[in-house]
Amino acid sequence: MEPTGKRTLQVNVKMSEEDFALLKRAAEKIWPDAILSNSAIILGLAKIAARGVVHPATRKRSKSPRE
């Protein structure tokens, strides 16, 4: 029988203040009305990036009319 539910995993992240400010600005554009903790911002953006790596988009981007 497999365990159910999620497990807690502690992760320590070191980054510059500039890098965190960039992540915070990105989070504000993606989730403009959400109240997010620092860890939620990092986890949410990391999860989006991980999905993009594991399941890359198979669909090609359409060209804009100007191209």
PDB file of N, CA and C in Angstrom:
ATOM      1  N   MET A   1       0.841  -1.171   0.000  1.00  0.00           N
ATOM      2  CA  MET A   1       0.000   0.000   0.000  1.00  0.00           C
ATOM      3  C   MET A   1       0.889   1.238   0.000  1.00  0.00           C
ATOM      4  N   GLU A   2       0.587   2.179  -0.910  1.00  0.00           N
ATOM      5  CA  GLU A   2       1.364   3.404  -1.001  1.00  0.00           C
ATOM      6  C   GLU A   2       0.831   4.442  -0.020  1.00  0.00           C
ATOM      7  N   PRO A   3       1.736   5.235   0.558  1.00  0.00           N
ATOM      8  CA  PRO A   3       1.274   6.270   1.484  1.00  0.00           C
ATOM      9  C   PRO A   3       0.473   7.334   0.743  1.00  0.00           C
ATOM     10  N   THR A   4      -0.491   7.910   1.412  1.00  0.00           N
ATOM     11  CA  THR A   4      -1.295   8.974   0.812  1.00  0.00           C
ATOM     12  C   THR A   4      -0.897  10.312   1.404  1.00  0.00           C
ATOM     13  N   GLY A   5      -1.236  11.366   0.719  1.00  0.00           N
ATOM     14  CA  GLY A   5      -0.927  12.699   1.215  1.00  0.00           C
ATOM     15  C   GLY A   5       0.464  13.144   0.807  1.00  0.00           C
ATOM     16  N   LYS A   6       0.740  14.403   1.077  1.00  0.00           N
ATOM     17  CA  LYS A   6       2.031  14.980   0.726  1.00  0.00           C
ATOM     18  C   LYS A   6       2.939  14.968   1.936  1.00  0.00           C
ATOM     19  N   ARG A   7       4.200  14.876   1.660  1.00  0.00           N
ATOM     20  CA  ARG A   7       5.188  14.940   2.732  1.00  0.00           C
ATOM     21  C   ARG A   7       5.842  16.312   2.717  1.00  0.00           C
ATOM     22  N   THR A   8       6.319  16.715   3.860  1.00  0.00           N
ATOM     23  CA  THR A   8       7.010  17.985   3.969  1.00  0.00           C
ATOM     24  C   THR A   8       8.486  17.776   3.707  1.00  0.00           C
ATOM     25  N   LEU A   9       9.042  18.647   2.873  1.00  0.00           N
ATOM     26  CA  LEU A   9      10.456  18.587   2.561  1.00  0.00           C
ATOM     27  C   LEU A   9      11.015  19.988   2.706  1.00  0.00           C
ATOM     28  N   GLN A  10      12.010  20.146   3.547  1.00  0.00           N
ATOM     29  CA  GLN A  10      12.607  21.459   3.743  1.00  0.00           C
ATOM     30  C   GLN A  10      13.696  21.667   2.709  1.00  0.00           C
ATOM     31  N   VAL A  11      13.672  22.837   2.077  1.00  0.00           N
ATOM     32  CA  VAL A  11      14.673  23.184   1.077  1.00  0.00           C
ATOM     33  C   VAL A  11      15.206  24.565   1.416  1.00  0.00           C
ATOM     34  N   ASN A  12      16.508  24.700   1.440  1.00  0.00           N
ATOM     35  CA  ASN A  12      17.130  26.001   1.681  1.00  0.00           C
ATOM     36  C   ASN A  12      17.590  26.577   0.347  1.00  0.00           C
ATOM     37  N   VAL A  13      17.302  27.841   0.130  1.00  0.00           N
ATOM     38  CA  VAL A  13      17.642  28.504  -1.123  1.00  0.00           C
ATOM     39  C   VAL A  13      18.449  29.753  -0.809  1.00  0.00           C
ATOM     40  N   LYS A  14      19.567  29.900  -1.512  1.00  0.00           N
ATOM     41  CA  LYS A  14      20.363  31.113  -1.366  1.00  0.00           C
ATOM     42  C   LYS A  14      20.350  31.824  -2.710  1.00  0.00           C
ATOM     43  N   MET A  15      20.043  33.120  -2.677  1.00  0.00           N
ATOM     44  CA  MET A  15      20.054  33.904  -3.900  1.00  0.00           C
ATOM     45  C   MET A  15      20.322  35.353  -3.535  1.00  0.00           C
ATOM     46  N   SER A  16      20.687  36.115  -4.535  1.00  0.00           N
ATOM     47  CA  SER A  16      20.957  37.530  -4.295  1.00  0.00           C
ATOM     48  C   SER A  16      19.641  38.279  -4.123  1.00  0.00           C
ATOM     49  N   GLU A  17      19.724  39.469  -3.555  1.00  0.00           N
ATOM     50  CA  GLU A  17      18.533  40.297  -3.398  1.00  0.00           C
ATOM     51  C   GLU A  17      17.957  40.666  -4.761  1.00  0.00           C
ATOM     52  N   GLU A  18      18.835  40.865  -5.742  1.00  0.00           N
ATOM     53  CA  GLU A  18      18.383  41.196  -7.095  1.00  0.00           C
ATOM     54  C   GLU A  18      17.611  40.043  -7.712  1.00  0.00           C
ATOM     55  N   ASP A  19      18.102  38.813  -7.527  1.00  0.00           N
ATOM     56  CA  ASP A  19      17.407  37.636  -8.065  1.00  0.00           C
ATOM     57  C   ASP A  19      16.033  37.476  -7.424  1.00  0.00           C
ATOM     58  N   PHE A  20      15.956  37.679  -6.105  1.00  0.00           N
ATOM     59  CA  PHE A  20      14.670  37.540  -5.437  1.00  0.00           C
ATOM     60  C   PHE A  20      13.704  38.640  -5.869  1.00  0.00           C
ATOM     61  N   ALA A  21      14.216  39.847  -6.075  1.00  0.00           N
ATOM     62  CA  ALA A  21      13.356  40.937  -6.545  1.00  0.00           C
ATOM     63  C   ALA A  21      12.780  40.599  -7.922  1.00  0.00           C
ATOM     64  N   LEU A  22      13.595  39.985  -8.779  1.00  0.00           N
ATOM     65  CA  LEU A  22      13.122  39.569 -10.100  1.00  0.00           C
ATOM     66  C   LEU A  22      12.021  38.513  -9.978  1.00  0.00           C
ATOM     67  N   LEU A  23      12.219  37.515  -9.111  1.00  0.00           N
ATOM     68  CA  LEU A  23      11.194  36.494  -8.892  1.00  0.00           C
ATOM     69  C   LEU A  23       9.914  37.109  -8.330  1.00  0.00           C
ATOM     70  N   LYS A  24      10.064  38.060  -7.435  1.00  0.00           N
ATOM     71  CA  LYS A  24       8.893  38.696  -6.836  1.00  0.00           C
ATOM     72  C   LYS A  24       8.106  39.481  -7.888  1.00  0.00           C
ATOM     73  N   ARG A  25       8.805  40.194  -8.780  1.00  0.00           N
ATOM     74  CA  ARG A  25       8.124  40.925  -9.855  1.00  0.00           C
ATOM     75  C   ARG A  25       7.402  39.964 -10.790  1.00  0.00           C
ATOM     76  N   ALA A  26       8.038  38.824 -11.109  1.00  0.00           N
ATOM     77  CA  ALA A  26       7.394  37.824 -11.969  1.00  0.00           C
ATOM     78  C   ALA A  26       6.138  37.281 -11.303  1.00  0.00           C
ATOM     79  N   ALA A  27       6.214  36.990 -10.017  1.00  0.00           N
ATOM     80  CA  ALA A  27       5.061  36.456  -9.285  1.00  0.00           C
ATOM     81  C   ALA A  27       3.915  37.466  -9.274  1.00  0.00           C
ATOM     82  N   GLU A  28       4.229  38.744  -9.146  1.00  0.00           N
ATOM     83  CA  GLU A  28       3.183  39.768  -9.142  1.00  0.00           C
ATOM     84  C   GLU A  28       2.476  39.845 -10.494  1.00  0.00           C
ATOM     85  N   LYS A  29       3.197  39.553 -11.582  1.00  0.00           N
ATOM     86  CA  LYS A  29       2.562  39.555 -12.907  1.00  0.00           C
ATOM     87  C   LYS A  29       1.719  38.304 -13.118  1.00  0.00           C
ATOM     88  N   ILE A  30       2.183  37.158 -12.616  1.00  0.00           N
ATOM     89  CA  ILE A  30       1.452  35.903 -12.794  1.00  0.00           C
ATOM     90  C   ILE A  30       0.235  35.839 -11.870  1.00  0.00           C
ATOM     91  N   TRP A  31       0.421  36.223 -10.606  1.00  0.00           N
ATOM     92  CA  TRP A  31      -0.641  36.151  -9.606  1.00  0.00           C
ATOM     93  C   TRP A  31      -0.854  37.540  -8.999  1.00  0.00           C
ATOM     94  N   PRO A  32      -1.459  38.480  -9.738  1.00  0.00           N
ATOM     95  CA  PRO A  32      -1.503  39.874  -9.280  1.00  0.00           C
ATOM     96  C   PRO A  32      -2.252  40.118  -7.972  1.00  0.00           C
ATOM     97  N   ASP A  33      -3.288  39.380  -7.669  1.00  0.00           N
ATOM     98  CA  ASP A  33      -4.078  39.647  -6.463  1.00  0.00           C
ATOM     99  C   ASP A  33      -3.797  38.680  -5.322  1.00  0.00           C
ATOM    100  N   ALA A  34      -2.854  37.767  -5.523  1.00  0.00           N
ATOM    101  CA  ALA A  34      -2.580  36.757  -4.504  1.00  0.00           C
ATOM    102  C   ALA A  34      -1.659  37.320  -3.421  1.00  0.00           C
ATOM    103  N   ILE A  35      -1.899  36.889  -2.207  1.00  0.00           N
ATOM    104  CA  ILE A  35      -0.999  37.200  -1.104  1.00  0.00           C
ATOM    105  C   ILE A  35      -0.075  35.997  -0.969  1.00  0.00           C
ATOM    106  N   LEU A  36       1.196  36.201  -1.294  1.00  0.00           N
ATOM    107  CA  LEU A  36       2.138  35.089  -1.336  1.00  0.00           C
ATOM    108  C   LEU A  36       3.284  35.297  -0.356  1.00  0.00           C
ATOM    109  N   SER A  37       3.666  34.211   0.285  1.00  0.00           N
ATOM    110  CA  SER A  37       4.861  34.251   1.125  1.00  0.00           C
ATOM    111  C   SER A  37       6.081  34.119   0.212  1.00  0.00           C
ATOM    112  N   ASN A  38       7.237  34.421   0.738  1.00  0.00           N
ATOM    113  CA  ASN A  38       8.467  34.277  -0.044  1.00  0.00           C
ATOM    114  C   ASN A  38       8.633  32.849  -0.535  1.00  0.00           C
ATOM    115  N   SER A  39       8.363  31.888   0.329  1.00  0.00           N
ATOM    116  CA  SER A  39       8.527  30.485  -0.070  1.00  0.00           C
ATOM    117  C   SER A  39       7.502  30.086  -1.125  1.00  0.00           C
ATOM    118  N   ALA A  40       6.293  30.621  -1.056  1.00  0.00           N
ATOM    119  CA  ALA A  40       5.271  30.304  -2.058  1.00  0.00           C
ATOM    120  C   ALA A  40       5.664  30.850  -3.424  1.00  0.00           C
ATOM    121  N   ILE A  41       6.261  32.032  -3.454  1.00  0.00           N
ATOM    122  CA  ILE A  41       6.723  32.615  -4.716  1.00  0.00           C
ATOM    123  C   ILE A  41       7.770  31.715  -5.350  1.00  0.00           C
ATOM    124  N   ILE A  42       8.767  31.323  -4.579  1.00  0.00           N
ATOM    125  CA  ILE A  42       9.850  30.495  -5.109  1.00  0.00           C
ATOM    126  C   ILE A  42       9.330  29.130  -5.529  1.00  0.00           C
ATOM    127  N   LEU A  43       8.516  28.509  -4.694  1.00  0.00           N
ATOM    128  CA  LEU A  43       7.985  27.192  -5.007  1.00  0.00           C
ATOM    129  C   LEU A  43       7.080  27.233  -6.235  1.00  0.00           C
ATOM    130  N   GLY A  44       6.195  28.218  -6.308  1.00  0.00           N
ATOM    131  CA  GLY A  44       5.284  28.312  -7.443  1.00  0.00           C
ATOM    132  C   GLY A  44       6.007  28.495  -8.758  1.00  0.00           C
ATOM    133  N   LEU A  45       6.981  29.404  -8.795  1.00  0.00           N
ATOM    134  CA  LEU A  45       7.724  29.638 -10.029  1.00  0.00           C
ATOM    135  C   LEU A  45       8.618  28.452 -10.378  1.00  0.00           C
ATOM    136  N   ALA A  46       9.194  27.808  -9.371  1.00  0.00           N
ATOM    137  CA  ALA A  46      10.020  26.624  -9.632  1.00  0.00           C
ATOM    138  C   ALA A  46       9.179  25.487 -10.208  1.00  0.00           C
ATOM    139  N   LYS A  47       7.969  25.331  -9.712  1.00  0.00           N
ATOM    140  CA  LYS A  47       7.086  24.276 -10.216  1.00  0.00           C
ATOM    141  C   LYS A  47       6.703  24.529 -11.672  1.00  0.00           C
ATOM    142  N   ILE A  48       6.408  25.786 -12.016  1.00  0.00           N
ATOM    143  CA  ILE A  48       6.096  26.136 -13.397  1.00  0.00           C
ATOM    144  C   ILE A  48       7.294  25.831 -14.301  1.00  0.00           C
ATOM    145  N   ALA A  49       8.480  26.206 -13.867  1.00  0.00           N
ATOM    146  CA  ALA A  49       9.683  25.949 -14.655  1.00  0.00           C
ATOM    147  C   ALA A  49       9.953  24.452 -14.787  1.00  0.00           C
ATOM    148  N   ALA A  50       9.738  23.707 -13.709  1.00  0.00           N
ATOM    149  CA  ALA A  50       9.966  22.264 -13.752  1.00  0.00           C
ATOM    150  C   ALA A  50       9.030  21.578 -14.740  1.00  0.00           C
ATOM    151  N   ARG A  51       7.767  22.001 -14.755  1.00  0.00           N
ATOM    152  CA  ARG A  51       6.823  21.433 -15.728  1.00  0.00           C
ATOM    153  C   ARG A  51       7.288  21.703 -17.149  1.00  0.00           C
ATOM    154  N   GLY A  52       7.813  22.898 -17.390  1.00  0.00           N
ATOM    155  CA  GLY A  52       8.298  23.247 -18.717  1.00  0.00           C
ATOM    156  C   GLY A  52       9.482  22.404 -19.156  1.00  0.00           C
ATOM    157  N   VAL A  53      10.288  21.970 -18.205  1.00  0.00           N
ATOM    158  CA  VAL A  53      11.441  21.129 -18.517  1.00  0.00           C
ATOM    159  C   VAL A  53      11.009  19.680 -18.728  1.00  0.00           C
ATOM    160  N   VAL A  54      10.175  19.164 -17.852  1.00  0.00           N
ATOM    161  CA  VAL A  54       9.762  17.766 -17.918  1.00  0.00           C
ATOM    162  C   VAL A  54       8.760  17.523 -19.045  1.00  0.00           C
ATOM    163  N   HIS A  55       7.857  18.474 -19.249  1.00  0.00           N
ATOM    164  CA  HIS A  55       6.824  18.354 -20.285  1.00  0.00           C
ATOM    165  C   HIS A  55       6.903  19.570 -21.206  1.00  0.00           C
ATOM    166  N   PRO A  56       7.927  19.640 -22.068  1.00  0.00           N
ATOM    167  CA  PRO A  56       8.032  20.822 -22.932  1.00  0.00           C
ATOM    168  C   PRO A  56       6.841  20.923 -23.875  1.00  0.00           C
ATOM    169  N   ALA A  57       6.499  22.130 -24.215  1.00  0.00           N
ATOM    170  CA  ALA A  57       5.357  22.357 -25.115  1.00  0.00           C
ATOM    171  C   ALA A  57       5.658  21.713 -26.463  1.00  0.00           C
ATOM    172  N   THR A  58       4.715  20.948 -26.947  1.00  0.00           N
ATOM    173  CA  THR A  58       4.897  20.290 -28.233  1.00  0.00           C
ATOM    174  C   THR A  58       4.404  21.168 -29.366  1.00  0.00           C
ATOM    175  N   ARG A  59       3.601  22.130 -29.039  1.00  0.00           N
ATOM    176  CA  ARG A  59       3.017  23.024 -30.021  1.00  0.00           C
ATOM    177  C   ARG A  59       3.997  24.156 -30.333  1.00  0.00           C
ATOM    178  N   LYS A  60       4.157  24.467 -31.613  1.00  0.00           N
ATOM    179  CA  LYS A  60       5.033  25.557 -32.003  1.00  0.00           C
ATOM    180  C   LYS A  60       4.296  26.872 -31.870  1.00  0.00           C
ATOM    181  N   ARG A  61       5.021  27.913 -31.573  1.00  0.00           N
ATOM    182  CA  ARG A  61       4.426  29.236 -31.449  1.00  0.00           C
ATOM    183  C   ARG A  61       4.060  29.746 -32.838  1.00  0.00           C
ATOM    184  N   SER A  62       2.920  30.365 -32.951  1.00  0.00           N
ATOM    185  CA  SER A  62       2.517  30.915 -34.234  1.00  0.00           C
ATOM    186  C   SER A  62       3.244  32.230 -34.470  1.00  0.00           C
ATOM    187  N   LYS A  63       3.518  32.512 -35.722  1.00  0.00           N
ATOM    188  CA  LYS A  63       4.211  33.742 -36.058  1.00  0.00           C
ATOM    189  C   LYS A  63       3.232  34.910 -35.998  1.00  0.00           C
ATOM    190  N   SER A  64       3.747  36.050 -35.594  1.00  0.00           N
ATOM    191  CA  SER A  64       2.901  37.240 -35.565  1.00  0.00           C
ATOM    192  C   SER A  64       2.693  37.710 -36.994  1.00  0.00           C
ATOM    193  N   PRO A  65       1.650  38.479 -37.248  1.00  0.00           N
ATOM    194  CA  PRO A  65       1.347  38.918 -38.612  1.00  0.00           C
ATOM    195  C   PRO A  65       2.473  39.725 -39.253  1.00  0.00           C
ATOM    196  N   ARG A  66       3.309  40.362 -38.446  1.00  0.00           N
ATOM    197  CA  ARG A  66       4.386  41.185 -38.993  1.00  0.00           C
ATOM    198  C   ARG A  66       5.545  40.356 -39.521  1.00  0.00           C
ATOM    199  N   GLU A  67       5.655  39.092 -39.180  1.00  0.00           N
ATOM    200  CA  GLU A  67       6.791  38.273 -39.607  1.00  0.00           C
ATOM    201  C   GLU A  67       6.554  37.659 -40.950  1.00  0.00           C
TER     202      GLU A  67
END
